[in-house]
């Protein structure tokens, strides 16, 4: 799934859902850093090529890539075009 800073996401948080705008994307570079805290900040990426990393969204939330269930691209939000995973 392709994500980009500014995209709207819906995230599964153990059965409840949170929504927000992506503020930052971090790539984990090793198994001991699954959230990417020691990795690189990027503006966009395709999560099928990266298994380790996290997304900061909303006011102060974050999630792993595999928790993202829905994405609305930043340029498409006004058209309400939804991509579901």
Protein backbone atom coordinates (compact mmCIF):
# COMPACT_ATOMS: atom_id res chain seq x y z
CA UNK A 1 0.00 0.00 0.00
CA UNK A 2 1.31 3.43 -0.88
CA UNK A 3 1.18 6.07 1.83
CA UNK A 4 2.31 9.68 1.93
CA UNK A 5 2.57 12.44 4.53
CA UNK A 6 -0.75 14.30 4.37
CA UNK A 7 -2.86 11.22 3.55
CA UNK A 8 -5.83 10.39 5.78
CA UNK A 9 -5.70 6.92 7.39
CA UNK A 10 -7.95 4.69 9.45
CA UNK A 11 -6.07 2.40 11.84
CA UNK A 12 -7.10 -0.76 13.70
CA UNK A 13 -6.12 -0.38 17.37
CA UNK A 14 -7.02 -3.76 18.88
CA UNK A 15 -10.61 -3.72 17.62
CA UNK A 16 -11.29 0.00 17.89
CA UNK A 17 -10.41 2.45 15.13
CA UNK A 18 -8.57 5.77 15.03
CA UNK A 19 -8.44 8.18 12.13
CA UNK A 20 -6.14 11.03 11.26
CA UNK A 21 -3.76 12.69 8.85
CA UNK A 22 -0.26 11.20 8.46
CA UNK A 23 2.27 13.55 10.08
CA UNK A 24 5.43 11.45 9.63
CA UNK A 25 6.62 8.08 8.32
CA UNK A 26 9.59 6.24 9.82
CA UNK A 27 11.32 3.20 8.31
CA UNK A 28 12.78 0.55 10.59
CA UNK A 29 16.11 -0.79 9.37
CA UNK A 30 16.44 -3.85 11.61
CA UNK A 31 14.32 -6.30 13.63
CA UNK A 32 15.31 -4.70 16.92
CA UNK A 33 13.76 -1.39 15.76
CA UNK A 34 10.26 -2.37 14.53
CA UNK A 35 8.83 1.16 14.88
CA UNK A 36 11.68 2.82 12.98
CA UNK A 37 12.76 5.10 15.82
CA UNK A 38 16.40 4.66 14.80
CA UNK A 39 15.66 4.52 11.08
CA UNK A 40 14.93 7.10 8.42
CA UNK A 41 12.11 9.63 8.04
CA UNK A 42 10.49 9.62 4.60
CA UNK A 43 7.66 11.56 2.97
CA UNK A 44 6.12 8.59 1.14
CA UNK A 45 6.62 4.87 0.60
CA UNK A 46 5.04 1.63 -0.49
CA UNK A 47 4.64 -0.58 2.60
CA UNK A 48 4.84 -3.80 0.59
CA UNK A 49 8.61 -3.20 0.40
CA UNK A 50 9.08 -2.35 4.09
CA UNK A 51 7.93 -4.51 7.00
CA UNK A 52 9.43 -2.44 9.82
CA UNK A 53 8.34 1.10 10.49
CA UNK A 54 5.60 3.33 11.79
CA UNK A 55 3.35 6.25 10.97
CA UNK A 56 2.62 9.21 13.21
CA UNK A 57 -0.91 10.52 12.66
CA UNK A 58 -3.58 12.71 14.24
CA UNK A 59 -2.63 14.70 17.32
CA UNK A 60 -0.21 12.25 18.94
CA UNK A 61 -0.95 8.70 17.77
CA UNK A 62 1.26 6.27 15.91
CA UNK A 63 0.87 2.80 14.41
CA UNK A 64 2.78 0.08 12.61
CA UNK A 65 2.31 -0.20 8.85
CA UNK A 66 0.23 -3.39 9.15
CA UNK A 67 -2.36 -1.64 11.35
CA UNK A 68 -3.45 0.72 8.55
CA UNK A 69 -6.80 -0.46 7.16
CA UNK A 70 -7.89 2.45 4.96
CA UNK A 71 -6.15 5.31 3.13
CA UNK A 72 -7.49 8.42 1.42
CA UNK A 73 -4.85 10.10 -0.67
CA UNK A 74 -4.27 13.75 0.20
CA UNK A 75 -5.12 15.01 -3.31
CA UNK A 76 -8.25 12.83 -3.42
CA UNK A 77 -9.84 13.65 -0.06
CA UNK A 78 -12.14 16.28 -1.51
CA UNK A 79 -13.40 13.70 -4.04
CA UNK A 80 -13.87 11.12 -1.22
CA UNK A 81 -11.95 8.42 -3.10
CA UNK A 82 -11.19 5.61 -0.67
CA UNK A 83 -8.68 2.78 -0.93
CA UNK A 84 -9.42 -0.11 1.44
CA UNK A 85 -6.94 -2.84 2.44
